[in-house]
Amino acid sequence: MQEYEVKAKTVVLAAGTCESARILLNSKTAQHPNGLSNSSNVVGKYLHDSTQSGGGVILPELLNRPRYNEDGVGSLHLYAPWWADKQKLDFPRGYHLEIFGGLMMPGYGGYLGFEGSIVPMINGYIPDAAGKMKPGGGFGKSLKDDYRKFYGTFAAVGCHGVDVAKETNYCEIDNSVVDKYGIPVLRFNYQWGSDEIKQAKHMNETVQAVAKEMGGIPLLPPASDANNWGLANPGKGIHEVGTVRMDDDAKRSAVNKYGQSHDCKNLFVTDGSVFTQQAEKNPTWTILALSMRTAEYILDQKKKQNI
């Protein structure tokens, strides 16, 4: 392995929420025995991701529907923001809905399988033209007929919600496992709390109500308390944030509001790790906004010769 050393007056770290924490925690020196920018001991802690649940249906009214170009309708999905902020619920914050379906481009695999490849999975839910049920899958003319029948009948509602940031949800260095370069990887400690599970129950009730109003045939069995109301495992939402949190108080955080390290004034972090609390919305635009603020601050501080 070839090692390189690059020197810079200002360093911007933006490796992603988990990888940025990993780099800082692995960067131990005599001056920074707990890892770089970690005198507060918070790096890696308060890791949180979006909660996620949802469901899909077949819409019988759309069986054998006419074919036409729906490219661009709803983009990847339609978006419905949280609507129950004034209701008295048994969990804090909320979640949004992502609604999709229709004559999407056929494909293989993907996040949910999507239209083209999902037909062999759903064609056992509805009787054929002769009124007979058959197992999913198939081949030849029978499968072609199923594609003509089911293409465009699939609709789904995905839910992404707030996971309240907790110190007990964290990533740490696992010195017993290394990557191909010999650098220790992360070990994750993460559990949903009761608030997130109650939120998932509300998600499940919402999705079922929408499916019923649409007259859809559910493709998944009803969720229950036994499986946390369909709440996906942490990390499935791929909106992880919070491991290098910002705050004015250097004892409670790793960076200030500009992403500047409390311990190393020429080190800045500009990714989702600096969040203190994610909303129910996707984090990308907020990451971009914070990064722009950090860039402007760096230019200002360089002009003042503070860094």
C-alpha atoms as a PDB file:
ATOM      1  CA  MET A   1       0.000   0.000   0.000  1.00  0.00           C
ATOM      2  CA  GLN A   2       1.293   3.434  -0.970  1.00  0.00           C
ATOM      3  CA  GLU A   3       0.751   6.226   1.536  1.00  0.00           C
ATOM      4  CA  TYR A   4       0.543   9.890   0.547  1.00  0.00           C
ATOM      5  CA  GLU A   5       0.775  13.023   2.639  1.00  0.00           C
ATOM      6  CA  VAL A   6      -0.967  16.210   1.542  1.00  0.00           C
ATOM      7  CA  LYS A   7      -0.571  19.444   3.465  1.00  0.00           C
ATOM      8  CA  ALA A   8      -3.156  22.235   3.405  1.00  0.00           C
ATOM      9  CA  LYS A   9      -3.927  25.396   5.331  1.00  0.00           C
ATOM     10  CA  THR A  10      -7.646  24.557   5.319  1.00  0.00           C
ATOM     11  CA  VAL A  11      -9.164  21.077   5.262  1.00  0.00           C
ATOM     12  CA  VAL A  12     -12.813  20.335   4.401  1.00  0.00           C
ATOM     13  CA  LEU A  13     -14.113  16.905   5.377  1.00  0.00           C
ATOM     14  CA  ALA A  14     -17.247  15.756   3.540  1.00  0.00           C
ATOM     15  CA  ALA A  15     -17.027  11.970   3.374  1.00  0.00           C
ATOM     16  CA  GLY A  16     -20.598  11.344   4.501  1.00  0.00           C
ATOM     17  CA  THR A  17     -22.140  11.000   7.930  1.00  0.00           C
ATOM     18  CA  CYS A  18     -20.637   7.660   8.888  1.00  0.00           C
ATOM     19  CA  GLU A  19     -17.346   7.872   6.995  1.00  0.00           C
ATOM     20  CA  SER A  20     -16.552  11.362   8.304  1.00  0.00           C
ATOM     21  CA  ALA A  21     -17.001  10.067  11.852  1.00  0.00           C
ATOM     22  CA  ARG A  22     -14.809   7.066  11.013  1.00  0.00           C
ATOM     23  CA  ILE A  23     -12.007   9.262   9.667  1.00  0.00           C
ATOM     24  CA  LEU A  24     -12.077  11.536  12.716  1.00  0.00           C
ATOM     25  CA  LEU A  25     -12.196   8.652  15.206  1.00  0.00           C
ATOM     26  CA  ASN A  26      -9.318   6.884  13.454  1.00  0.00           C
ATOM     27  CA  SER A  27      -7.228  10.076  13.432  1.00  0.00           C
ATOM     28  CA  LYS A  28      -5.786   9.671  16.907  1.00  0.00           C
ATOM     29  CA  THR A  29      -2.586  11.454  17.875  1.00  0.00           C
ATOM     30  CA  ALA A  30      -0.842  12.427  21.103  1.00  0.00           C
ATOM     31  CA  GLN A  31      -2.558  15.804  20.783  1.00  0.00           C
ATOM     32  CA  HIS A  32      -5.935  14.235  19.972  1.00  0.00           C
ATOM     33  CA  PRO A  33      -6.003  10.904  21.869  1.00  0.00           C
ATOM     34  CA  ASN A  34      -9.779  10.535  21.474  1.00  0.00           C
ATOM     35  CA  GLY A  35      -9.753  11.173  17.753  1.00  0.00           C
ATOM     36  CA  LEU A  36      -9.598  14.410  15.790  1.00  0.00           C
ATOM     37  CA  SER A  37     -12.139  17.079  16.782  1.00  0.00           C
ATOM     38  CA  ASN A  38     -13.433  14.823  19.542  1.00  0.00           C
ATOM     39  CA  SER A  39     -12.439  16.391  22.854  1.00  0.00           C
ATOM     40  CA  SER A  40     -16.194  16.500  23.570  1.00  0.00           C
ATOM     41  CA  ASN A  41     -16.475  12.713  23.001  1.00  0.00           C
ATOM     42  CA  VAL A  42     -19.546  13.148  20.770  1.00  0.00           C
ATOM     43  CA  VAL A  43     -18.125  12.084  17.403  1.00  0.00           C
ATOM     44  CA  GLY A  44     -20.057   9.034  16.243  1.00  0.00           C
ATOM     45  CA  LYS A  45     -22.904   9.643  18.694  1.00  0.00           C
ATOM     46  CA  TYR A  46     -26.436  10.876  17.940  1.00  0.00           C
ATOM     47  CA  LEU A  47     -26.485   8.925  14.691  1.00  0.00           C
ATOM     48  CA  HIS A  48     -30.006   8.975  13.300  1.00  0.00           C
ATOM     49  CA  ASP A  49     -31.736   8.001  10.075  1.00  0.00           C
ATOM     50  CA  SER A  50     -35.209   8.557   8.668  1.00  0.00           C
ATOM     51  CA  THR A  51     -37.814   6.096   9.814  1.00  0.00           C
ATOM     52  CA  GLN A  52     -39.296   4.208   6.883  1.00  0.00           C
ATOM     53  CA  SER A  53     -42.384   2.139   6.198  1.00  0.00           C
ATOM     54  CA  GLY A  54     -45.075   1.920   3.535  1.00  0.00           C
ATOM     55  CA  GLY A  55     -46.988  -0.426   1.310  1.00  0.00           C
ATOM     56  CA  GLY A  56     -47.939  -1.253  -2.272  1.00  0.00           C
ATOM     57  CA  VAL A  57     -51.151  -2.255  -3.987  1.00  0.00           C
ATOM     58  CA  ILE A  58     -52.561  -3.449  -7.290  1.00  0.00           C
ATOM     59  CA  LEU A  59     -55.377  -1.245  -8.599  1.00  0.00           C
ATOM     60  CA  PRO A  60     -57.959  -3.531 -10.260  1.00  0.00           C
ATOM     61  CA  GLU A  61     -59.559  -0.612 -12.101  1.00  0.00           C
ATOM     62  CA  LEU A  62     -56.333  -0.228 -14.078  1.00  0.00           C
ATOM     63  CA  LEU A  63     -56.013  -3.843 -15.243  1.00  0.00           C
ATOM     64  CA  ASN A  64     -55.398  -4.033 -19.013  1.00  0.00           C
ATOM     65  CA  ARG A  65     -55.196  -0.239 -19.094  1.00  0.00           C
ATOM     66  CA  PRO A  66     -54.406   1.605 -22.335  1.00  0.00           C
ATOM     67  CA  ARG A  67     -50.724   2.253 -23.017  1.00  0.00           C
ATOM     68  CA  TYR A  68     -49.352   5.758 -23.410  1.00  0.00           C
ATOM     69  CA  ASN A  69     -46.223   7.649 -22.467  1.00  0.00           C
ATOM     70  CA  GLU A  70     -46.267   8.678 -18.808  1.00  0.00           C
ATOM     71  CA  ASP A  71     -42.582   9.611 -18.652  1.00  0.00           C
ATOM     72  CA  GLY A  72     -42.047  12.442 -16.189  1.00  0.00           C
ATOM     73  CA  VAL A  73     -45.422  12.179 -14.457  1.00  0.00           C
ATOM     74  CA  GLY A  74     -44.663  12.687 -10.787  1.00  0.00           C
ATOM     75  CA  SER A  75     -40.928  12.307 -11.449  1.00  0.00           C
ATOM     76  CA  LEU A  76     -39.709   9.475  -9.199  1.00  0.00           C
ATOM     77  CA  HIS A  77     -42.644  10.072  -6.852  1.00  0.00           C
ATOM     78  CA  LEU A  78     -45.119  12.656  -5.644  1.00  0.00           C
ATOM     79  CA  TYR A  79     -44.473  14.231  -2.254  1.00  0.00           C
ATOM     80  CA  ALA A  80     -46.998  14.882   0.538  1.00  0.00           C
ATOM     81  CA  PRO A  81     -45.608  16.795   3.540  1.00  0.00           C
ATOM     82  CA  TRP A  82     -46.617  16.075   7.126  1.00  0.00           C
ATOM     83  CA  TRP A  83     -50.217  17.166   7.654  1.00  0.00           C
ATOM     84  CA  ALA A  84     -50.956  16.324  11.302  1.00  0.00           C
ATOM     85  CA  ASP A  85     -48.729  18.792  13.134  1.00  0.00           C
ATOM     86  CA  LYS A  86     -51.723  20.212  15.033  1.00  0.00           C
ATOM     87  CA  GLN A  87     -53.162  16.841  16.012  1.00  0.00           C
ATOM     88  CA  LYS A  88     -52.574  15.380  19.450  1.00  0.00           C
ATOM     89  CA  LEU A  89     -50.611  12.183  18.809  1.00  0.00           C
ATOM     90  CA  ASP A  90     -48.632   9.769  20.967  1.00  0.00           C
ATOM     91  CA  PHE A  91     -45.318  10.481  19.214  1.00  0.00           C
ATOM     92  CA  PRO A  92     -43.346  13.671  18.405  1.00  0.00           C
ATOM     93  CA  ARG A  93     -42.703  15.153  14.980  1.00  0.00           C
ATOM     94  CA  GLY A  94     -44.056  13.393  11.917  1.00  0.00           C
ATOM     95  CA  TYR A  95     -43.397  11.914   8.480  1.00  0.00           C
ATOM     96  CA  HIS A  96     -43.999  12.575   4.797  1.00  0.00           C
ATOM     97  CA  LEU A  97     -45.504  10.437   2.051  1.00  0.00           C
ATOM     98  CA  GLU A  98     -43.873   9.461  -1.226  1.00  0.00           C
ATOM     99  CA  ILE A  99     -46.495   8.282  -3.727  1.00  0.00           C
ATOM    100  CA  PHE A 100     -45.529   6.509  -6.919  1.00  0.00           C
ATOM    101  CA  GLY A 101     -46.764   4.041  -9.521  1.00  0.00           C
ATOM    102  CA  GLY A 102     -48.212   4.018 -13.009  1.00  0.00           C
ATOM    103  CA  LEU A 103     -46.541   3.212 -16.330  1.00  0.00           C
ATOM    104  CA  MET A 104     -42.998   3.454 -15.045  1.00  0.00           C
ATOM    105  CA  MET A 105     -40.085   2.331 -17.153  1.00  0.00           C
ATOM    106  CA  PRO A 106     -39.725  -1.455 -16.816  1.00  0.00           C
ATOM    107  CA  GLY A 107     -36.547  -2.533 -15.129  1.00  0.00           C
ATOM    108  CA  TYR A 108     -34.861  -5.337 -13.270  1.00  0.00           C
ATOM    109  CA  GLY A 109     -34.120  -5.138  -9.544  1.00  0.00           C
ATOM    110  CA  GLY A 110     -33.957  -1.624  -8.135  1.00  0.00           C
ATOM    111  CA  TYR A 111     -35.167  -0.331  -4.803  1.00  0.00           C
ATOM    112  CA  LEU A 112     -38.497  -2.136  -4.771  1.00  0.00           C
ATOM    113  CA  GLY A 113     -38.245  -4.141  -7.979  1.00  0.00           C
ATOM    114  CA  PHE A 114     -40.557  -1.609  -9.628  1.00  0.00           C
ATOM    115  CA  GLU A 115     -42.952  -2.269 -12.440  1.00  0.00           C
ATOM    116  CA  GLY A 116     -41.174  -4.343 -15.041  1.00  0.00           C
ATOM    117  CA  SER A 117     -39.683  -6.914 -12.702  1.00  0.00           C
ATOM    118  CA  ILE A 118     -42.453  -6.912 -10.108  1.00  0.00           C
ATOM    119  CA  VAL A 119     -45.106  -8.385 -12.416  1.00  0.00           C
ATOM    120  CA  PRO A 120     -43.899 -11.984 -11.901  1.00  0.00           C
ATOM    121  CA  MET A 121     -44.289 -11.381  -8.157  1.00  0.00           C
ATOM    122  CA  ILE A 122     -47.820  -9.995  -8.230  1.00  0.00           C
ATOM    123  CA  ASN A 123     -49.489 -12.042 -10.953  1.00  0.00           C
ATOM    124  CA  GLY A 124     -50.616 -14.601  -8.371  1.00  0.00           C
ATOM    125  CA  TYR A 125     -52.836 -12.111  -6.550  1.00  0.00           C
ATOM    126  CA  ILE A 126     -55.683 -11.817  -9.068  1.00  0.00           C
ATOM    127  CA  PRO A 127     -57.479 -14.579 -11.033  1.00  0.00           C
ATOM    128  CA  ASP A 128     -56.776 -14.898 -14.724  1.00  0.00           C
ATOM    129  CA  ALA A 129     -59.376 -14.343 -17.446  1.00  0.00           C
ATOM    130  CA  ALA A 130     -60.855 -17.798 -16.722  1.00  0.00           C
ATOM    131  CA  GLY A 131     -61.206 -16.977 -13.017  1.00  0.00           C
ATOM    132  CA  LYS A 132     -58.391 -19.282 -11.929  1.00  0.00           C
ATOM    133  CA  MET A 133     -55.607 -18.344  -9.554  1.00  0.00           C
ATOM    134  CA  LYS A 134     -52.055 -19.294 -10.426  1.00  0.00           C
ATOM    135  CA  PRO A 135     -48.691 -18.986  -8.682  1.00  0.00           C
ATOM    136  CA  GLY A 136     -46.550 -15.956  -9.409  1.00  0.00           C
ATOM    137  CA  GLY A 137     -43.961 -16.027 -12.145  1.00  0.00           C
ATOM    138  CA  GLY A 138     -44.419 -17.916 -15.395  1.00  0.00           C
ATOM    139  CA  PHE A 139     -42.939 -17.784 -18.876  1.00  0.00           C
ATOM    140  CA  GLY A 140     -43.909 -17.562 -22.520  1.00  0.00           C
ATOM    141  CA  LYS A 141     -47.313 -16.352 -23.655  1.00  0.00           C
ATOM    142  CA  SER A 142     -48.806 -16.605 -20.161  1.00  0.00           C
ATOM    143  CA  LEU A 143     -46.200 -14.241 -18.712  1.00  0.00           C
ATOM    144  CA  LYS A 144     -46.510 -11.842 -21.662  1.00  0.00           C
ATOM    145  CA  ASP A 145     -50.259 -11.701 -21.077  1.00  0.00           C
ATOM    146  CA  ASP A 146     -49.624 -10.930 -17.414  1.00  0.00           C
ATOM    147  CA  TYR A 147     -47.354  -8.031 -18.335  1.00  0.00           C
ATOM    148  CA  ARG A 148     -50.073  -6.618 -20.587  1.00  0.00           C
ATOM    149  CA  LYS A 149     -52.604  -7.069 -17.807  1.00  0.00           C
ATOM    150  CA  PHE A 150     -50.634  -5.752 -14.818  1.00  0.00           C
ATOM    151  CA  TYR A 151     -48.302  -3.137 -16.281  1.00  0.00           C
ATOM    152  CA  GLY A 152     -49.334   0.215 -14.863  1.00  0.00           C
ATOM    153  CA  THR A 153     -51.550  -1.181 -12.076  1.00  0.00           C
ATOM    154  CA  PHE A 154     -48.969  -0.916  -9.298  1.00  0.00           C
ATOM    155  CA  ALA A 155     -49.126   1.976  -6.814  1.00  0.00           C
ATOM    156  CA  ALA A 156     -47.290   2.492  -3.555  1.00  0.00           C
ATOM    157  CA  VAL A 157     -46.975   4.879  -0.642  1.00  0.00           C
ATOM    158  CA  GLY A 158     -43.647   5.187   1.126  1.00  0.00           C
ATOM    159  CA  CYS A 159     -43.320   6.962   4.472  1.00  0.00           C
ATOM    160  CA  HIS A 160     -40.193   8.691   5.768  1.00  0.00           C
ATOM    161  CA  GLY A 161     -40.267  10.163   9.257  1.00  0.00           C
ATOM    162  CA  VAL A 162     -38.306  11.691  12.110  1.00  0.00           C
ATOM    163  CA  ASP A 163     -36.086   9.631  14.354  1.00  0.00           C
ATOM    164  CA  VAL A 164     -35.324  11.706  17.440  1.00  0.00           C
ATOM    165  CA  ALA A 165     -31.533  11.947  17.842  1.00  0.00           C
ATOM    166  CA  LYS A 166     -30.254   9.875  20.781  1.00  0.00           C
ATOM    167  CA  GLU A 167     -26.804   9.625  22.328  1.00  0.00           C
ATOM    168  CA  THR A 168     -27.373   5.874  22.674  1.00  0.00           C
ATOM    169  CA  ASN A 169     -27.490   5.440  18.884  1.00  0.00           C
ATOM    170  CA  TYR A 170     -23.913   5.653  17.704  1.00  0.00           C
ATOM    171  CA  CYS A 171     -21.098   4.269  15.591  1.00  0.00           C
ATOM    172  CA  GLU A 172     -17.659   3.475  16.945  1.00  0.00           C
ATOM    173  CA  ILE A 173     -14.371   2.057  15.729  1.00  0.00           C
ATOM    174  CA  ASP A 174     -14.188  -1.730  15.588  1.00  0.00           C
ATOM    175  CA  ASN A 175     -10.490  -2.453  15.947  1.00  0.00           C
ATOM    176  CA  SER A 176     -11.061  -6.159  15.281  1.00  0.00           C
ATOM    177  CA  VAL A 177     -12.151  -5.539  11.657  1.00  0.00           C
ATOM    178  CA  VAL A 178     -10.223  -3.577   9.030  1.00  0.00           C
ATOM    179  CA  ASP A 179     -10.840  -2.618   5.423  1.00  0.00           C
ATOM    180  CA  LYS A 180      -8.589  -3.597   2.510  1.00  0.00           C
ATOM    181  CA  TYR A 181      -6.181  -0.820   3.487  1.00  0.00           C
ATOM    182  CA  GLY A 182      -5.852  -2.085   7.047  1.00  0.00           C
ATOM    183  CA  ILE A 183      -7.903   0.757   8.539  1.00  0.00           C
ATOM    184  CA  PRO A 184     -10.437  -0.170  11.264  1.00  0.00           C
ATOM    185  CA  VAL A 185     -14.094  -0.003  10.212  1.00  0.00           C
ATOM    186  CA  LEU A 186     -17.194   1.115  12.100  1.00  0.00           C
ATOM    187  CA  ARG A 187     -19.412  -0.885  14.404  1.00  0.00           C
ATOM    188  CA  PHE A 188     -23.015   0.326  14.767  1.00  0.00           C
ATOM    189  CA  ASN A 189     -25.205   0.431  17.860  1.00  0.00           C
ATOM    190  CA  TYR A 190     -28.709   1.523  16.888  1.00  0.00           C
ATOM    191  CA  GLN A 191     -32.233   0.758  18.075  1.00  0.00           C
ATOM    192  CA  TRP A 192     -35.558   2.386  17.340  1.00  0.00           C
ATOM    193  CA  GLY A 193     -37.252   3.937  20.357  1.00  0.00           C
ATOM    194  CA  SER A 194     -40.890   3.743  21.390  1.00  0.00           C
ATOM    195  CA  ASP A 195     -41.645   7.067  19.647  1.00  0.00           C
ATOM    196  CA  GLU A 196     -40.456   5.729  16.300  1.00  0.00           C
ATOM    197  CA  ILE A 197     -42.447   2.512  16.694  1.00  0.00           C
ATOM    198  CA  LYS A 198     -45.608   4.489  17.526  1.00  0.00           C
ATOM    199  CA  GLN A 199     -44.939   6.632  14.482  1.00  0.00           C
ATOM    200  CA  ALA A 200     -44.652   3.495  12.337  1.00  0.00           C
ATOM    201  CA  LYS A 201     -48.058   2.342  13.612  1.00  0.00           C
ATOM    202  CA  HIS A 202     -49.508   5.661  12.440  1.00  0.00           C
ATOM    203  CA  MET A 203     -47.745   5.210   9.086  1.00  0.00           C
ATOM    204  CA  ASN A 204     -49.272   1.765   8.711  1.00  0.00           C
ATOM    205  CA  GLU A 205     -52.759   3.071   9.477  1.00  0.00           C
ATOM    206  CA  THR A 206     -52.310   5.885   6.953  1.00  0.00           C
ATOM    207  CA  VAL A 207     -51.106   3.572   4.178  1.00  0.00           C
ATOM    208  CA  GLN A 208     -53.966   1.138   4.809  1.00  0.00           C
ATOM    209  CA  ALA A 209     -56.504   3.980   4.706  1.00  0.00           C
ATOM    210  CA  VAL A 210     -55.073   5.288   1.408  1.00  0.00           C
ATOM    211  CA  ALA A 211     -55.089   1.782  -0.088  1.00  0.00           C
ATOM    212  CA  LYS A 212     -58.703   1.256   0.938  1.00  0.00           C
ATOM    213  CA  GLU A 213     -59.831   4.554  -0.585  1.00  0.00           C
ATOM    214  CA  MET A 214     -58.041   3.628  -3.815  1.00  0.00           C
ATOM    215  CA  GLY A 215     -59.705   0.216  -3.907  1.00  0.00           C
ATOM    216  CA  GLY A 216     -56.289  -1.400  -4.019  1.00  0.00           C
ATOM    217  CA  ILE A 217     -55.336  -4.998  -3.284  1.00  0.00           C
ATOM    218  CA  PRO A 218     -52.457  -4.937  -0.737  1.00  0.00           C
ATOM    219  CA  LEU A 219     -49.293  -6.754  -1.774  1.00  0.00           C
ATOM    220  CA  LEU A 220     -48.031  -7.169   1.780  1.00  0.00           C
ATOM    221  CA  PRO A 221     -49.735  -8.631   4.858  1.00  0.00           C
ATOM    222  CA  PRO A 222     -50.863  -6.077   7.465  1.00  0.00           C
ATOM    223  CA  ALA A 223     -48.073  -4.984   9.789  1.00  0.00           C
ATOM    224  CA  SER A 224     -48.390  -5.473  13.527  1.00  0.00           C
ATOM    225  CA  ASP A 225     -46.680  -4.832  16.819  1.00  0.00           C
ATOM    226  CA  ALA A 226     -44.726  -8.068  16.263  1.00  0.00           C
ATOM    227  CA  ASN A 227     -42.708  -6.471  13.434  1.00  0.00           C
ATOM    228  CA  ASN A 228     -42.697  -2.879  14.765  1.00  0.00           C
ATOM    229  CA  TRP A 229     -45.585  -1.993  12.438  1.00  0.00           C
ATOM    230  CA  GLY A 230     -43.475  -2.509   9.348  1.00  0.00           C
ATOM    231  CA  LEU A 231     -40.711  -0.141  10.445  1.00  0.00           C
ATOM    232  CA  ALA A 232     -37.653  -0.797   8.286  1.00  0.00           C
ATOM    233  CA  ASN A 233     -34.283  -1.452   9.924  1.00  0.00           C
ATOM    234  CA  PRO A 234     -32.107   1.571  10.739  1.00  0.00           C
ATOM    235  CA  GLY A 235     -30.054   2.540   7.699  1.00  0.00           C
ATOM    236  CA  LYS A 236     -32.706   1.578   5.140  1.00  0.00           C
ATOM    237  CA  GLY A 237     -33.814   5.207   4.882  1.00  0.00           C
ATOM    238  CA  ILE A 238     -30.272   6.187   3.727  1.00  0.00           C
ATOM    239  CA  HIS A 239     -30.725   9.621   5.322  1.00  0.00           C
ATOM    240  CA  GLU A 240     -28.215   9.088   8.120  1.00  0.00           C
ATOM    241  CA  VAL A 241     -27.005  12.254   9.870  1.00  0.00           C
ATOM    242  CA  GLY A 242     -25.750  13.575  13.205  1.00  0.00           C
ATOM    243  CA  THR A 243     -22.387  11.975  14.063  1.00  0.00           C
ATOM    244  CA  VAL A 244     -20.300  15.195  14.110  1.00  0.00           C
ATOM    245  CA  ARG A 245     -22.931  17.512  15.520  1.00  0.00           C
ATOM    246  CA  MET A 246     -22.729  21.285  15.611  1.00  0.00           C
ATOM    247  CA  ASP A 247     -23.271  23.563  18.621  1.00  0.00           C
ATOM    248  CA  ASP A 248     -21.810  26.729  20.108  1.00  0.00           C
ATOM    249  CA  ASP A 249     -20.856  24.725  23.205  1.00  0.00           C
ATOM    250  CA  ALA A 250     -17.593  22.898  22.524  1.00  0.00           C
ATOM    251  CA  LYS A 251     -18.296  20.519  25.416  1.00  0.00           C
ATOM    252  CA  ARG A 252     -21.429  19.179  23.690  1.00  0.00           C
ATOM    253  CA  SER A 253     -20.382  19.177  20.058  1.00  0.00           C
ATOM    254  CA  ALA A 254     -17.557  18.638  17.581  1.00  0.00           C
ATOM    255  CA  VAL A 255     -18.053  21.696  15.330  1.00  0.00           C
ATOM    256  CA  ASN A 256     -19.664  25.120  15.487  1.00  0.00           C
ATOM    257  CA  LYS A 257     -22.564  26.353  13.356  1.00  0.00           C
ATOM    258  CA  TYR A 258     -20.199  26.874  10.408  1.00  0.00           C
ATOM    259  CA  GLY A 259     -18.952  23.290  10.560  1.00  0.00           C
ATOM    260  CA  GLN A 260     -15.637  24.502  11.984  1.00  0.00           C
ATOM    261  CA  SER A 261     -13.958  22.140  14.429  1.00  0.00           C
ATOM    262  CA  HIS A 262     -13.772  23.402  17.985  1.00  0.00           C
ATOM    263  CA  ASP A 263     -10.396  21.674  18.379  1.00  0.00           C
ATOM    264  CA  CYS A 264      -8.804  22.438  14.978  1.00  0.00           C
ATOM    265  CA  LYS A 265      -9.783  25.828  13.599  1.00  0.00           C
ATOM    266  CA  ASN A 266      -8.655  25.011  10.052  1.00  0.00           C
ATOM    267  CA  LEU A 267     -10.808  21.846   9.840  1.00  0.00           C
ATOM    268  CA  PHE A 268     -14.380  22.069   8.525  1.00  0.00           C
ATOM    269  CA  VAL A 269     -17.050  19.379   8.107  1.00  0.00           C
ATOM    270  CA  THR A 270     -19.714  19.845   5.419  1.00  0.00           C
ATOM    271  CA  ASP A 271     -21.981  16.827   5.221  1.00  0.00           C
ATOM    272  CA  GLY A 272     -24.976  15.389   7.062  1.00  0.00           C
ATOM    273  CA  SER A 273     -22.884  14.520  10.095  1.00  0.00           C
ATOM    274  CA  VAL A 274     -23.163  18.092  11.421  1.00  0.00           C
ATOM    275  CA  PHE A 275     -26.953  17.904  11.876  1.00  0.00           C
ATOM    276  CA  THR A 276     -28.266  18.048  15.427  1.00  0.00           C
ATOM    277  CA  GLN A 277     -31.730  16.837  14.428  1.00  0.00           C
ATOM    278  CA  GLN A 278     -33.062  15.701  11.086  1.00  0.00           C
ATOM    279  CA  ALA A 279     -36.591  16.650  10.069  1.00  0.00           C
ATOM    280  CA  GLU A 280     -38.963  14.285   8.259  1.00  0.00           C
ATOM    281  CA  LYS A 281     -37.623  15.660   4.980  1.00  0.00           C
ATOM    282  CA  ASN A 282     -34.702  14.400   2.923  1.00  0.00           C
ATOM    283  CA  PRO A 283     -31.448  16.044   4.107  1.00  0.00           C
ATOM    284  CA  THR A 284     -29.718  16.814   0.797  1.00  0.00           C
ATOM    285  CA  TRP A 285     -30.816  20.412   0.308  1.00  0.00           C
ATOM    286  CA  THR A 286     -30.024  21.270   3.918  1.00  0.00           C
ATOM    287  CA  ILE A 287     -26.566  19.765   3.469  1.00  0.00           C
ATOM    288  CA  LEU A 288     -26.088  21.958   0.377  1.00  0.00           C
ATOM    289  CA  ALA A 289     -27.265  25.073   2.230  1.00  0.00           C
ATOM    290  CA  LEU A 290     -24.980  24.417   5.207  1.00  0.00           C
ATOM    291  CA  SER A 291     -22.061  23.738   2.858  1.00  0.00           C
ATOM    292  CA  MET A 292     -22.619  27.046   1.089  1.00  0.00           C
ATOM    293  CA  ARG A 293     -22.695  28.853   4.443  1.00  0.00           C
ATOM    294  CA  THR A 294     -19.460  27.129   5.456  1.00  0.00           C
ATOM    295  CA  ALA A 295     -17.780  28.069   2.148  1.00  0.00           C
ATOM    296  CA  GLU A 296     -18.740  31.726   2.587  1.00  0.00           C
ATOM    297  CA  TYR A 297     -17.475  31.651   6.172  1.00  0.00           C
ATOM    298  CA  ILE A 298     -14.139  30.147   5.111  1.00  0.00           C
ATOM    299  CA  LEU A 299     -13.638  32.905   2.519  1.00  0.00           C
ATOM    300  CA  ASP A 300     -14.533  35.562   5.078  1.00  0.00           C
ATOM    301  CA  GLN A 301     -12.182  34.143   7.708  1.00  0.00           C
ATOM    302  CA  LYS A 302      -9.320  33.868   5.206  1.00  0.00           C
ATOM    303  CA  LYS A 303      -9.765  37.525   4.261  1.00  0.00           C
ATOM    304  CA  LYS A 304      -9.546  38.398   7.952  1.00  0.00           C
ATOM    305  CA  GLN A 305      -6.525  36.068   8.274  1.00  0.00           C
ATOM    306  CA  ASN A 306      -8.229  34.168  11.084  1.00  0.00           C
ATOM    307  CA  ILE A 307      -7.451  30.827   9.469  1.00  0.00           C
END
